[in-house]
Structures are given as structure tokens and as C-alpha cells.
């Protein structure tokens, strides 16, 4: 698995690199500024194969969408609570799993 989080507009993973990584299963890219951080990555890619490589890709706007929904869900919990809440990454992870159907 590769999590590409380079500077905006910088490509860090090429098709050639992917071809030379036979055990690579998936790549997530948070770079929404062209060019993509991962060659061939689509902004909205949500687990589709990258070209004919068989490697699964998750693009920045798919990542951003679940991030936004997770944050909004946690804020809603805070607002609806009668007492103070302290939420951390474990709550965010559980919310993201719920939103993606992994629960």
C-alpha cells in the first residue's frame, strides 16, 4: 500500500514504479492539484484499478469526501450530546468505517 501525500502538484509515483512493485495492492493519493501525485490517478477514483495494472486507486476527492463526512458526523455527535464529549482518532476511525460500510 502506498499513501502518497507529497506537495501539491508533484508526481511521486509513476507507472514505471508501479510496474516494478509486483506486491503493490493499492495507492491512495491526497494530491488534488495537477499533476496527480500518482500517475494515472483520477480525482474521484474510489477503489478502481489504475489502468491495466490491477493496483487499486483512491483519489483525493474520494478521500476528501469521506474525511468531510467523518468530521461532520463527529461534530453532529458533539452538538446533539447533553454533556461534553472528548473525541479522538478512534472515534473518527469508527465513524469512517460506519460511513464506508466496513462495520
C-alpha atoms as a PDB file:
ATOM      1  CA  UNK A   1       0.000   0.000   0.000  1.00  0.00           C
ATOM      2  CA  UNK A   2       1.236   3.484  -0.842  1.00  0.00           C
ATOM      3  CA  UNK A   3      -0.187   6.614   0.738  1.00  0.00           C
ATOM      4  CA  UNK A   4       1.016   9.454  -1.483  1.00  0.00           C
ATOM      5  CA  UNK A   5       0.993  12.748   0.383  1.00  0.00           C
ATOM      6  CA  UNK A   6       3.567  14.852  -1.444  1.00  0.00           C
ATOM      7  CA  UNK A   7       3.475  18.589  -2.073  1.00  0.00           C
ATOM      8  CA  UNK A   8       0.660  19.861  -4.275  1.00  0.00           C
ATOM      9  CA  UNK A   9       1.328  19.343  -7.967  1.00  0.00           C
ATOM     10  CA  UNK A  10       4.239  16.934  -7.501  1.00  0.00           C
ATOM     11  CA  UNK A  11       4.055  13.466  -9.031  1.00  0.00           C
ATOM     12  CA  UNK A  12       5.805  10.943  -6.787  1.00  0.00           C
ATOM     13  CA  UNK A  13       4.657   7.604  -8.226  1.00  0.00           C
ATOM     14  CA  UNK A  14       4.997   6.842 -11.947  1.00  0.00           C
ATOM     15  CA  UNK A  15       3.528   3.983 -13.988  1.00  0.00           C
ATOM     16  CA  UNK A  16       7.045   2.562 -14.252  1.00  0.00           C
ATOM     17  CA  UNK A  17       7.355   2.490 -10.451  1.00  0.00           C
ATOM     18  CA  UNK A  18       4.016   0.680 -10.177  1.00  0.00           C
ATOM     19  CA  UNK A  19       5.143  -1.910 -12.765  1.00  0.00           C
ATOM     20  CA  UNK A  20       8.240  -2.562 -10.651  1.00  0.00           C
ATOM     21  CA  UNK A  21       6.199  -3.228  -7.491  1.00  0.00           C
ATOM     22  CA  UNK A  22       4.586  -6.654  -8.028  1.00  0.00           C
ATOM     23  CA  UNK A  23       3.224  -6.868  -4.467  1.00  0.00           C
ATOM     24  CA  UNK A  24       1.584  -3.427  -4.531  1.00  0.00           C
ATOM     25  CA  UNK A  25      -2.151  -3.731  -3.909  1.00  0.00           C
ATOM     26  CA  UNK A  26      -3.435  -0.165  -3.551  1.00  0.00           C
ATOM     27  CA  UNK A  27      -2.432   3.501  -3.728  1.00  0.00           C
ATOM     28  CA  UNK A  28      -4.165   6.455  -2.089  1.00  0.00           C
ATOM     29  CA  UNK A  29      -3.297   9.959  -3.286  1.00  0.00           C
ATOM     30  CA  UNK A  30      -4.237  13.157  -1.440  1.00  0.00           C
ATOM     31  CA  UNK A  31      -2.842  15.499  -4.117  1.00  0.00           C
ATOM     32  CA  UNK A  32      -5.764  17.238  -5.880  1.00  0.00           C
ATOM     33  CA  UNK A  33      -3.538  19.737  -7.750  1.00  0.00           C
ATOM     34  CA  UNK A  34      -2.425  18.638 -11.241  1.00  0.00           C
ATOM     35  CA  UNK A  35      -0.421  16.691 -11.973  1.00  0.00           C
ATOM     36  CA  UNK A  36      -1.665  13.928  -9.697  1.00  0.00           C
ATOM     37  CA  UNK A  37       0.780  12.588  -7.131  1.00  0.00           C
ATOM     38  CA  UNK A  38       0.246   9.166  -8.708  1.00  0.00           C
ATOM     39  CA  UNK A  39       0.402   8.850 -12.492  1.00  0.00           C
ATOM     40  CA  UNK A  40      -3.000   7.870 -13.892  1.00  0.00           C
ATOM     41  CA  UNK A  41      -4.899   8.672 -10.681  1.00  0.00           C
ATOM     42  CA  UNK A  42      -8.345  10.199 -11.163  1.00  0.00           C
ATOM     43  CA  UNK A  43      -9.566  12.742  -8.607  1.00  0.00           C
ATOM     44  CA  UNK A  44     -12.703  10.723  -7.833  1.00  0.00           C
ATOM     45  CA  UNK A  45     -11.179   7.219  -8.111  1.00  0.00           C
ATOM     46  CA  UNK A  46     -12.710   5.085  -5.374  1.00  0.00           C
ATOM     47  CA  UNK A  47     -11.004   1.707  -5.435  1.00  0.00           C
ATOM     48  CA  UNK A  48     -10.964   1.231  -9.219  1.00  0.00           C
ATOM     49  CA  UNK A  49      -7.900  -0.317 -10.883  1.00  0.00           C
ATOM     50  CA  UNK A  50      -5.217   2.115 -12.084  1.00  0.00           C
ATOM     51  CA  UNK A  51      -5.047   1.478 -15.804  1.00  0.00           C
ATOM     52  CA  UNK A  52      -4.261  -2.145 -16.578  1.00  0.00           C
ATOM     53  CA  UNK A  53      -2.005  -2.570 -13.534  1.00  0.00           C
ATOM     54  CA  UNK A  54      -4.584  -4.198 -11.261  1.00  0.00           C
ATOM     55  CA  UNK A  55      -3.475  -1.822  -8.480  1.00  0.00           C
ATOM     56  CA  UNK A  56      -6.452  -0.200  -6.786  1.00  0.00           C
ATOM     57  CA  UNK A  57      -6.511   3.597  -6.639  1.00  0.00           C
ATOM     58  CA  UNK A  58      -8.206   6.002  -4.240  1.00  0.00           C
ATOM     59  CA  UNK A  59      -8.138   9.613  -5.386  1.00  0.00           C
ATOM     60  CA  UNK A  60      -8.029  12.818  -3.352  1.00  0.00           C
ATOM     61  CA  UNK A  61     -11.668  13.801  -3.769  1.00  0.00           C
ATOM     62  CA  UNK A  62     -12.843  10.343  -2.702  1.00  0.00           C
ATOM     63  CA  UNK A  63     -10.597  10.662   0.360  1.00  0.00           C
ATOM     64  CA  UNK A  64     -11.778  14.227   0.987  1.00  0.00           C
ATOM     65  CA  UNK A  65     -15.421  13.179   0.760  1.00  0.00           C
ATOM     66  CA  UNK A  66     -15.143  10.533   3.476  1.00  0.00           C
ATOM     67  CA  UNK A  67     -12.968  12.874   5.573  1.00  0.00           C
ATOM     68  CA  UNK A  68     -15.625  15.597   5.371  1.00  0.00           C
ATOM     69  CA  UNK A  69     -18.463  13.188   6.200  1.00  0.00           C
ATOM     70  CA  UNK A  70     -16.489  11.761   9.124  1.00  0.00           C
ATOM     71  CA  UNK A  71     -15.778  15.219  10.574  1.00  0.00           C
ATOM     72  CA  UNK A  72     -19.382  16.321  10.066  1.00  0.00           C
ATOM     73  CA  UNK A  73     -20.646  13.165  11.779  1.00  0.00           C
ATOM     74  CA  UNK A  74     -18.404  13.745  14.794  1.00  0.00           C
ATOM     75  CA  UNK A  75     -19.452  17.400  15.041  1.00  0.00           C
ATOM     76  CA  UNK A  76     -23.102  16.307  14.914  1.00  0.00           C
ATOM     77  CA  UNK A  77     -22.469  13.909  17.817  1.00  0.00           C
ATOM     78  CA  UNK A  78     -20.980  16.796  19.807  1.00  0.00           C
ATOM     79  CA  UNK A  79     -23.882  19.103  19.089  1.00  0.00           C
ATOM     80  CA  UNK A  80     -26.509  16.510  19.947  1.00  0.00           C
ATOM     81  CA  UNK A  81     -24.859  15.437  23.199  1.00  0.00           C
ATOM     82  CA  UNK A  82     -26.192  16.698  26.526  1.00  0.00           C
ATOM     83  CA  UNK A  83     -22.712  16.539  28.034  1.00  0.00           C
ATOM     84  CA  UNK A  84     -19.209  17.387  26.885  1.00  0.00           C
ATOM     85  CA  UNK A  85     -17.592  14.863  24.558  1.00  0.00           C
ATOM     86  CA  UNK A  86     -13.932  14.132  24.013  1.00  0.00           C
ATOM     87  CA  UNK A  87     -13.461  12.503  20.614  1.00  0.00           C
ATOM     88  CA  UNK A  88     -10.202  11.229  19.138  1.00  0.00           C
ATOM     89  CA  UNK A  89      -8.878   9.231  16.191  1.00  0.00           C
ATOM     90  CA  UNK A  90     -10.598   6.057  17.419  1.00  0.00           C
ATOM     91  CA  UNK A  91     -13.996   7.758  17.125  1.00  0.00           C
ATOM     92  CA  UNK A  92     -13.070   9.110  13.690  1.00  0.00           C
ATOM     93  CA  UNK A  93     -11.961   5.645  12.564  1.00  0.00           C
ATOM     94  CA  UNK A  94     -15.197   4.055  13.802  1.00  0.00           C
ATOM     95  CA  UNK A  95     -17.271   6.755  12.058  1.00  0.00           C
ATOM     96  CA  UNK A  96     -15.340   6.337   8.785  1.00  0.00           C
ATOM     97  CA  UNK A  97     -15.860   2.548   8.931  1.00  0.00           C
ATOM     98  CA  UNK A  98     -19.575   3.116   9.506  1.00  0.00           C
ATOM     99  CA  UNK A  99     -19.803   5.527   6.565  1.00  0.00           C
ATOM    100  CA  UNK A 100     -17.969   3.186   4.206  1.00  0.00           C
ATOM    101  CA  UNK A 101     -19.946   0.117   5.237  1.00  0.00           C
ATOM    102  CA  UNK A 102     -16.988  -1.644   6.872  1.00  0.00           C
ATOM    103  CA  UNK A 103     -18.805  -2.118  10.167  1.00  0.00           C
END
